[in-house]
Protein backbone atom coordinates (compact mmCIF):
# COMPACT_ATOMS: atom_id res chain seq x y z
CA UNK A 1 94.51 93.43 109.81
CA UNK A 2 92.99 92.51 106.47
CA UNK A 3 91.77 95.38 104.29
CA UNK A 4 89.74 95.57 101.08
CA UNK A 5 90.52 98.46 98.73
CA UNK A 6 87.84 99.08 96.09
CA UNK A 7 89.26 101.66 93.67
CA UNK A 8 89.12 101.75 89.87
CA UNK A 9 92.08 104.12 89.36
CA UNK A 10 94.84 101.57 88.77
CA UNK A 11 97.69 103.96 89.55
CA UNK A 12 96.13 105.17 92.80
CA UNK A 13 95.18 101.62 93.80
CA UNK A 14 98.72 100.32 93.29
CA UNK A 15 100.21 103.22 95.25
CA UNK A 16 97.77 102.81 98.12
CA UNK A 17 98.18 99.02 98.22
CA UNK A 18 101.95 99.34 98.58
CA UNK A 19 101.69 101.97 101.31
CA UNK A 20 98.95 100.12 103.21
CA UNK A 21 100.98 96.91 103.17
CA UNK A 22 103.97 98.85 104.44
CA UNK A 23 101.74 100.08 107.28
CA UNK A 24 100.90 96.51 108.27
CA UNK A 25 97.71 95.71 106.40
CA UNK A 26 97.07 92.57 104.35
CA UNK A 27 95.45 94.15 101.28
CA UNK A 28 93.05 92.77 98.68
CA UNK A 29 91.90 94.98 95.81
CA UNK A 30 88.92 95.26 93.47
CA UNK A 31 88.59 97.71 90.57
CA UNK A 32 84.79 97.66 90.20
CA UNK A 33 81.69 97.65 92.37
CA UNK A 34 80.51 94.17 91.44
CA UNK A 35 83.72 92.41 92.52
CA UNK A 36 84.07 94.65 95.58
CA UNK A 37 80.55 93.85 96.78
CA UNK A 38 81.13 90.12 96.37
CA UNK A 39 84.54 90.06 98.07
CA UNK A 40 83.38 91.84 101.22
CA UNK A 41 80.46 89.44 101.52
CA UNK A 42 82.75 86.40 101.20
CA UNK A 43 85.82 87.40 103.22
CA UNK A 44 86.17 88.68 106.83
CA UNK A 45 87.77 92.09 106.30
CA UNK A 46 88.66 94.30 109.23
CA UNK A 47 88.06 97.48 107.24
CA UNK A 48 87.14 98.60 103.70
CA UNK A 49 88.28 101.64 101.69
CA UNK A 50 85.54 102.25 99.13
CA UNK A 51 85.60 104.67 96.22
CA UNK A 52 82.12 105.88 95.28
CA UNK A 53 82.70 106.42 91.55
CA UNK A 54 83.08 102.80 90.46
CA UNK A 55 82.34 101.01 87.18
CA UNK A 56 79.91 98.11 87.20
CA UNK A 57 78.10 99.24 90.32
CA UNK A 58 78.25 102.57 92.22
CA UNK A 59 79.97 102.55 95.57
CA UNK A 60 76.85 103.80 97.37
CA UNK A 61 74.83 100.86 96.07
CA UNK A 62 77.57 98.49 97.23
CA UNK A 63 77.59 100.04 100.70
CA UNK A 64 73.79 99.91 100.98
CA UNK A 65 73.85 96.21 100.03
CA UNK A 66 76.40 95.42 102.74
CA UNK A 67 74.41 97.21 105.43
CA UNK A 68 71.09 95.72 104.31
CA UNK A 69 72.55 92.22 104.53
CA UNK A 70 73.95 92.87 108.03
CA UNK A 71 77.58 93.31 106.99
CA UNK A 72 78.84 95.92 109.47
CA UNK A 73 82.49 96.02 108.39
CA UNK A 74 83.93 99.52 109.02
CA UNK A 75 83.91 101.45 105.72
CA UNK A 76 85.83 104.59 104.80
CA UNK A 77 84.55 106.13 101.57
CA UNK A 78 86.63 108.13 99.10
CA UNK A 79 84.84 111.08 97.52
CA UNK A 80 85.61 114.05 95.31
CA UNK A 81 86.87 116.91 97.49
CA UNK A 82 83.94 119.24 96.74
CA UNK A 83 81.17 116.62 96.57
CA UNK A 84 79.56 117.34 99.96
CA UNK A 85 76.37 115.60 98.85
CA UNK A 86 78.32 112.36 98.32
CA UNK A 87 79.60 112.53 101.88
CA UNK A 88 76.08 113.07 103.23
CA UNK A 89 74.70 110.22 101.12
CA UNK A 90 77.60 108.03 102.22
CA UNK A 91 76.89 108.53 105.91
CA UNK A 92 73.20 107.90 105.34
CA UNK A 93 74.08 104.64 103.57
CA UNK A 94 76.17 103.49 106.54
CA UNK A 95 79.71 104.80 105.97
CA UNK A 96 81.87 105.22 109.08
CA UNK A 97 84.22 107.89 107.75
CA UNK A 98 85.18 109.64 104.51
CA UNK A 99 88.19 111.20 102.86
CA UNK A 100 88.11 113.65 99.97
CA UNK A 101 90.36 113.28 96.92
CA UNK A 102 93.14 114.23 96.54
CA UNK A 103 94.44 113.26 99.98
CA UNK A 104 97.64 112.48 101.85
CA UNK A 105 98.15 108.78 102.52
CA UNK A 106 99.21 109.59 106.10
CA UNK A 107 95.74 111.01 106.77
CA UNK A 108 94.14 107.88 105.33
CA UNK A 109 96.27 105.70 107.61
CA UNK A 110 95.44 107.79 110.68
CA UNK A 111 91.71 107.63 109.92
CA UNK A 112 91.85 103.87 109.34
CA UNK A 113 93.68 103.27 112.62
CA UNK A 114 91.12 105.36 114.54
CA UNK A 115 88.23 103.64 112.74
CA UNK A 116 89.54 100.15 113.54
CA UNK A 117 90.08 100.97 117.20
CA UNK A 118 86.62 102.49 117.58
CA UNK A 119 85.07 99.40 116.02
CA UNK A 120 86.84 97.30 118.68
CA UNK A 121 86.02 99.71 121.54
CA UNK A 122 89.71 100.54 121.99
CA UNK A 123 91.35 103.87 122.77
CA UNK A 124 92.08 106.14 119.81
CA UNK A 125 95.34 107.59 121.16
CA UNK A 126 98.75 107.31 119.46
CA UNK A 127 99.34 103.80 120.84
CA UNK A 128 97.26 100.63 121.04
CA UNK A 129 97.55 99.67 124.71
CA UNK A 130 96.31 96.35 126.08
CA UNK A 131 97.48 93.99 128.85
CA UNK A 132 100.57 96.05 129.63
CA UNK A 133 101.71 96.26 126.01
CA UNK A 134 101.91 99.44 123.95
CA UNK A 135 101.91 98.92 120.19
CA UNK A 136 103.02 101.79 117.95
CA UNK A 137 101.25 101.19 114.66
CA UNK A 138 103.38 103.72 112.80
CA UNK A 139 106.76 102.20 113.67
CA UNK A 140 105.49 98.61 114.27
CA UNK A 141 107.33 98.51 117.59
CA UNK A 142 105.83 97.01 120.75
CA UNK A 143 106.86 98.05 124.26
CA UNK A 144 106.31 95.77 127.25
CA UNK A 145 105.27 96.77 130.79
CA UNK A 146 108.94 96.59 131.82
CA UNK A 147 109.96 99.09 129.15
CA UNK A 148 111.52 96.65 126.70
CA UNK A 149 110.89 97.51 123.03
CA UNK A 150 110.77 95.02 120.18
CA UNK A 151 110.67 95.75 116.46
CA UNK A 152 108.20 93.42 114.74
CA UNK A 153 108.19 91.85 111.30
CA UNK A 154 105.16 92.56 109.11
CA UNK A 155 103.46 89.26 109.96
CA UNK A 156 104.25 89.56 113.68
CA UNK A 157 102.78 93.06 113.69
CA UNK A 158 99.56 92.07 111.91
CA UNK A 159 99.12 89.07 114.20
CA UNK A 160 99.75 91.01 117.41
CA UNK A 161 97.43 93.83 116.34
CA UNK A 162 94.56 91.40 115.75
CA UNK A 163 95.17 89.77 119.14
CA UNK A 164 95.34 93.12 120.94
CA UNK A 165 92.13 94.31 119.29
CA UNK A 166 90.34 91.21 120.62
CA UNK A 167 91.55 90.72 124.22
CA UNK A 168 89.97 87.86 126.10
CA UNK A 169 88.35 86.39 122.99
CA UNK A 170 89.08 82.91 121.67
CA UNK A 171 90.41 83.30 118.13
CA UNK A 172 90.80 80.15 116.06
CA UNK A 173 93.77 79.57 113.78
CA UNK A 174 91.55 80.09 110.74
CA UNK A 175 90.21 83.39 112.11
CA UNK A 176 93.72 84.66 112.78
CA UNK A 177 94.95 83.54 109.37
CA UNK A 178 92.05 85.28 107.62
CA UNK A 179 92.96 88.57 109.29
CA UNK A 180 96.73 88.28 108.97
CA UNK A 181 97.08 87.17 105.34
CA UNK A 182 95.59 88.52 102.14
CA UNK A 183 93.61 86.56 99.55
CA UNK A 184 96.67 85.32 97.65
CA UNK A 185 98.66 84.10 100.65
CA UNK A 186 99.11 80.52 101.76
CA UNK A 187 97.18 80.40 105.05
CA UNK A 188 99.19 77.57 106.64
CA UNK A 189 98.18 77.08 110.30
CA UNK A 190 101.57 75.58 111.11
CA UNK A 191 103.27 78.79 109.98
CA UNK A 192 100.87 80.73 112.22
CA UNK A 193 102.05 78.70 115.21
CA UNK A 194 105.63 79.73 114.42
CA UNK A 195 104.68 83.42 114.62
CA UNK A 196 102.68 82.89 117.82
CA UNK A 197 105.79 81.35 119.39
CA UNK A 198 107.96 84.22 118.16
CA UNK A 199 105.64 86.70 119.87
CA UNK A 200 105.69 84.64 123.06
CA UNK A 201 109.48 84.67 123.12
CA UNK A 202 109.51 88.45 122.76
CA UNK A 203 106.60 89.31 125.06
CA UNK A 204 106.29 86.45 127.51
CA UNK A 205 104.53 83.12 127.26
CA UNK A 206 101.63 84.05 129.53
CA UNK A 207 100.21 86.77 127.28
CA UNK A 208 98.98 84.41 124.55
CA UNK A 209 97.26 81.32 125.92
CA UNK A 210 96.47 78.22 123.89
CA UNK A 211 92.97 76.75 124.08
CA UNK A 212 93.32 73.22 122.78
CA UNK A 213 91.02 72.50 119.88
CA UNK A 214 89.81 76.12 119.85
CA UNK A 215 92.64 78.55 119.24
CA UNK A 216 94.35 81.32 121.18
CA UNK A 217 93.38 83.94 123.75
CA UNK A 218 95.31 87.18 124.22
CA UNK A 219 95.64 88.64 127.69
CA UNK A 220 96.70 85.64 129.71
CA UNK A 221 93.40 83.73 129.87
CA UNK A 222 93.64 79.96 130.45
């Protein structure tokens, strides 16, 4: 899952980026409202973490622009702990959730996971469960219907999570690459095929079907 972090505190941004990547997100960052607004309009992010107190352009203005232009990416806003009016204004502008500073990164991760699942009409329990698979997003371990568990690499985890969040949908190689890799990565479609085949070997070849000239479908569709 590709995530945009818009935060001007360089120390906090670096700490969050490292932890979010460890949790299986492909993370891009912006340190001002102007760049953040542009990036989310140009790239297909799965979720955005948006600080409201940004240089260049306030976070609320950025959020209002996205919603006015039809960009419905899930957005979690960061606010000062006691700024209740910012939270109210944020929800009115189209925010999906908020977190007050200072905060524990584990709470941010839990809120992001719930937000992403709600946006894909999935359950919000401890595991992402689709087509007989149960994916633990905290440990990045997937368990099959027969009870076999497999530890996943970072790329395998991001790829499987995107597939499980979109069961039955045809996802092209470019769509998968955009959600699996961050802005600086080499989005080589041939490398993507390697990871698709790795997942098939672990989980069974019928779960991820190939649609020639179109892409892949998770859930066994042919």
